[in-house]
Amino acid sequence: MIRVTRLDDSELYINAEFIQSVESTPDTHIVLVNGHAWVVREPDHEVVRRVIEYRRSVYGTPGGARPNLRAIEG
């Protein structure tokens, strides 16, 4: 789960495994695979960073090595 902030400043925890897309128009919209969408304060690149951090923590290999996950600009 990743923590994000709604526009009314309340916190929301979203299951990162169910995120289909993240888009800034200019507000950041997170769309889940079930069609639900959330508008959040964090910029799109911050949401992506949190998803990558989450996945590294979950899918890390024994011994502490981490998969080569990184954000791709553009």
N, C-alpha and C. Protein backbone atom coordinates (compact mmCIF):
# COMPACT_ATOMS: atom_id res chain seq x y z
N MET A 1 0.85 -1.18 0.00
CA MET A 1 0.00 0.00 0.00
C MET A 1 0.90 1.24 0.00
N ILE A 2 0.43 2.27 -0.70
CA ILE A 2 1.13 3.55 -0.66
C ILE A 2 0.19 4.60 -0.10
N ARG A 3 0.77 5.58 0.58
CA ARG A 3 -0.01 6.67 1.16
C ARG A 3 0.01 7.84 0.20
N VAL A 4 -1.18 8.40 -0.04
CA VAL A 4 -1.31 9.61 -0.85
C VAL A 4 -2.26 10.56 -0.13
N THR A 5 -2.33 11.79 -0.61
CA THR A 5 -3.15 12.82 0.03
C THR A 5 -4.23 13.30 -0.93
N ARG A 6 -5.47 13.20 -0.50
CA ARG A 6 -6.58 13.73 -1.31
C ARG A 6 -6.50 15.25 -1.34
N LEU A 7 -7.28 15.87 -2.21
CA LEU A 7 -7.27 17.32 -2.33
C LEU A 7 -7.78 18.01 -1.06
N ASP A 8 -8.59 17.30 -0.24
CA ASP A 8 -9.08 17.88 1.01
C ASP A 8 -8.11 17.64 2.17
N ASP A 9 -6.89 17.20 1.86
CA ASP A 9 -5.81 16.93 2.82
C ASP A 9 -6.00 15.67 3.65
N SER A 10 -7.00 14.86 3.36
CA SER A 10 -7.13 13.59 4.07
C SER A 10 -6.21 12.56 3.41
N GLU A 11 -5.74 11.61 4.23
CA GLU A 11 -4.84 10.59 3.72
C GLU A 11 -5.62 9.41 3.16
N LEU A 12 -5.05 8.79 2.16
CA LEU A 12 -5.66 7.64 1.51
C LEU A 12 -4.55 6.62 1.26
N TYR A 13 -4.82 5.36 1.56
CA TYR A 13 -3.87 4.29 1.28
C TYR A 13 -4.41 3.48 0.11
N ILE A 14 -3.59 3.36 -0.93
CA ILE A 14 -3.99 2.67 -2.16
C ILE A 14 -3.11 1.45 -2.34
N ASN A 15 -3.72 0.35 -2.74
CA ASN A 15 -2.95 -0.86 -3.04
C ASN A 15 -2.20 -0.63 -4.34
N ALA A 16 -0.89 -0.54 -4.25
CA ALA A 16 -0.05 -0.24 -5.41
C ALA A 16 -0.16 -1.30 -6.50
N GLU A 17 -0.55 -2.51 -6.14
CA GLU A 17 -0.67 -3.59 -7.12
C GLU A 17 -1.85 -3.37 -8.07
N PHE A 18 -2.80 -2.52 -7.68
CA PHE A 18 -4.00 -2.32 -8.48
C PHE A 18 -3.99 -1.01 -9.27
N ILE A 19 -2.88 -0.30 -9.27
CA ILE A 19 -2.80 0.95 -10.02
C ILE A 19 -2.61 0.63 -11.50
N GLN A 20 -3.52 1.16 -12.32
CA GLN A 20 -3.43 0.96 -13.76
C GLN A 20 -2.68 2.11 -14.42
N SER A 21 -2.97 3.36 -13.96
CA SER A 21 -2.29 4.51 -14.56
C SER A 21 -2.24 5.66 -13.57
N VAL A 22 -1.26 6.55 -13.81
CA VAL A 22 -1.10 7.78 -13.03
C VAL A 22 -0.91 8.89 -14.06
N GLU A 23 -1.71 9.95 -13.93
CA GLU A 23 -1.67 11.01 -14.93
C GLU A 23 -1.84 12.37 -14.26
N SER A 24 -1.12 13.37 -14.76
CA SER A 24 -1.27 14.74 -14.27
C SER A 24 -1.95 15.57 -15.35
N THR A 25 -3.08 16.21 -14.98
CA THR A 25 -3.86 16.97 -15.97
C THR A 25 -4.48 18.25 -15.43
N PRO A 26 -3.98 19.18 -14.71
CA PRO A 26 -2.71 19.16 -14.01
C PRO A 26 -2.78 18.43 -12.68
N ASP A 27 -3.99 18.20 -12.12
CA ASP A 27 -4.08 17.41 -10.89
C ASP A 27 -3.66 15.97 -11.19
N THR A 28 -3.15 15.29 -10.19
CA THR A 28 -2.72 13.91 -10.38
C THR A 28 -3.90 12.97 -10.19
N HIS A 29 -4.17 12.17 -11.21
CA HIS A 29 -5.25 11.18 -11.18
C HIS A 29 -4.63 9.79 -11.13
N ILE A 30 -5.07 8.99 -10.16
CA ILE A 30 -4.65 7.60 -10.06
C ILE A 30 -5.86 6.75 -10.44
N VAL A 31 -5.71 5.91 -11.45
CA VAL A 31 -6.79 5.04 -11.89
C VAL A 31 -6.42 3.60 -11.54
N LEU A 32 -7.36 2.91 -10.90
CA LEU A 32 -7.14 1.51 -10.52
C LEU A 32 -7.70 0.58 -11.59
N VAL A 33 -7.29 -0.67 -11.55
CA VAL A 33 -7.73 -1.64 -12.56
C VAL A 33 -9.24 -1.88 -12.51
N ASN A 34 -9.89 -1.59 -11.39
CA ASN A 34 -11.34 -1.76 -11.28
C ASN A 34 -12.11 -0.54 -11.75
N GLY A 35 -11.40 0.49 -12.25
CA GLY A 35 -12.05 1.68 -12.78
C GLY A 35 -12.18 2.82 -11.79
N HIS A 36 -11.97 2.56 -10.50
CA HIS A 36 -12.03 3.64 -9.53
C HIS A 36 -10.87 4.60 -9.77
N ALA A 37 -11.14 5.89 -9.57
CA ALA A 37 -10.09 6.89 -9.79
C ALA A 37 -10.04 7.82 -8.58
N TRP A 38 -8.84 8.28 -8.29
CA TRP A 38 -8.61 9.18 -7.17
C TRP A 38 -7.80 10.37 -7.66
N VAL A 39 -8.14 11.56 -7.16
CA VAL A 39 -7.35 12.76 -7.45
C VAL A 39 -6.57 13.07 -6.19
N VAL A 40 -5.25 13.22 -6.34
CA VAL A 40 -4.38 13.39 -5.17
C VAL A 40 -3.47 14.60 -5.34
N ARG A 41 -2.91 15.05 -4.23
CA ARG A 41 -2.02 16.22 -4.22
C ARG A 41 -0.62 15.93 -4.74
N GLU A 42 -0.14 14.72 -4.54
CA GLU A 42 1.23 14.39 -4.93
C GLU A 42 1.37 14.46 -6.45
N PRO A 43 2.52 14.95 -6.93
CA PRO A 43 2.76 14.94 -8.37
C PRO A 43 2.91 13.50 -8.88
N ASP A 44 2.68 13.30 -10.15
CA ASP A 44 2.73 11.95 -10.71
C ASP A 44 4.05 11.25 -10.46
N HIS A 45 5.16 11.97 -10.58
CA HIS A 45 6.47 11.34 -10.37
C HIS A 45 6.66 10.87 -8.93
N GLU A 46 6.02 11.54 -7.97
CA GLU A 46 6.11 11.10 -6.57
C GLU A 46 5.29 9.83 -6.35
N VAL A 47 4.13 9.74 -6.97
CA VAL A 47 3.33 8.51 -6.86
C VAL A 47 4.11 7.34 -7.45
N VAL A 48 4.73 7.54 -8.60
CA VAL A 48 5.52 6.49 -9.23
C VAL A 48 6.69 6.09 -8.33
N ARG A 49 7.36 7.07 -7.73
CA ARG A 49 8.47 6.78 -6.82
C ARG A 49 8.00 5.91 -5.66
N ARG A 50 6.84 6.23 -5.10
CA ARG A 50 6.31 5.45 -3.97
C ARG A 50 5.95 4.03 -4.39
N VAL A 51 5.42 3.88 -5.59
CA VAL A 51 5.10 2.53 -6.09
C VAL A 51 6.38 1.73 -6.26
N ILE A 52 7.42 2.34 -6.82
CA ILE A 52 8.70 1.64 -6.99
C ILE A 52 9.28 1.26 -5.64
N GLU A 53 9.22 2.18 -4.67
CA GLU A 53 9.72 1.89 -3.33
C GLU A 53 8.96 0.72 -2.71
N TYR A 54 7.64 0.74 -2.86
CA TYR A 54 6.80 -0.35 -2.35
C TYR A 54 7.21 -1.68 -2.99
N ARG A 55 7.33 -1.69 -4.30
CA ARG A 55 7.66 -2.94 -5.00
C ARG A 55 9.05 -3.45 -4.63
N ARG A 56 9.98 -2.56 -4.45
CA ARG A 56 11.31 -2.98 -4.01
C ARG A 56 11.24 -3.64 -2.63
N SER A 57 10.40 -3.08 -1.75
CA SER A 57 10.30 -3.65 -0.40
C SER A 57 9.62 -5.01 -0.41
N VAL A 58 8.69 -5.22 -1.33
CA VAL A 58 7.95 -6.49 -1.40
C VAL A 58 8.71 -7.55 -2.18
N TYR A 59 9.28 -7.18 -3.31
CA TYR A 59 9.88 -8.16 -4.22
C TYR A 59 11.39 -8.25 -4.11
N GLY A 60 11.95 -7.68 -3.06
CA GLY A 60 13.39 -7.79 -2.87
C GLY A 60 13.80 -9.25 -2.72
N THR A 61 15.04 -9.53 -3.08
CA THR A 61 15.53 -10.91 -3.02
C THR A 61 16.18 -11.17 -1.66
N PRO A 62 16.29 -12.43 -1.24
CA PRO A 62 16.99 -12.74 0.01
C PRO A 62 18.42 -12.19 -0.02
N GLY A 63 18.89 -11.73 1.09
CA GLY A 63 20.23 -11.16 1.15
C GLY A 63 20.26 -9.67 0.93
N GLY A 64 19.10 -9.07 0.69
CA GLY A 64 19.03 -7.62 0.57
C GLY A 64 19.16 -7.06 -0.82
N ALA A 65 19.49 -7.87 -1.82
CA ALA A 65 19.58 -7.34 -3.18
C ALA A 65 18.19 -6.94 -3.65
N ARG A 66 18.12 -5.91 -4.44
CA ARG A 66 16.85 -5.41 -4.94
C ARG A 66 16.82 -5.50 -6.46
N PRO A 67 15.66 -5.77 -7.03
CA PRO A 67 15.54 -5.76 -8.49
C PRO A 67 15.86 -4.37 -9.04
N ASN A 68 16.25 -4.32 -10.26
CA ASN A 68 16.60 -3.05 -10.90
C ASN A 68 15.34 -2.34 -11.37
N LEU A 69 14.58 -1.80 -10.42
CA LEU A 69 13.37 -1.03 -10.75
C LEU A 69 13.69 0.44 -10.64
N ARG A 70 13.30 1.20 -11.66
CA ARG A 70 13.52 2.64 -11.63
C ARG A 70 12.47 3.31 -12.49
N ALA A 71 12.22 4.58 -12.19
CA ALA A 71 11.28 5.37 -12.98
C ALA A 71 11.92 5.71 -14.31
N ILE A 72 11.12 5.70 -15.37
CA ILE A 72 11.60 6.09 -16.69
C ILE A 72 10.99 7.44 -17.01
N GLU A 73 11.83 8.42 -17.22
CA GLU A 73 11.36 9.77 -17.53
C GLU A 73 10.85 9.81 -18.96
N GLY A 74 9.79 10.66 -19.14
CA GLY A 74 9.32 10.86 -20.51
C GLY A 74 8.05 10.28 -20.79
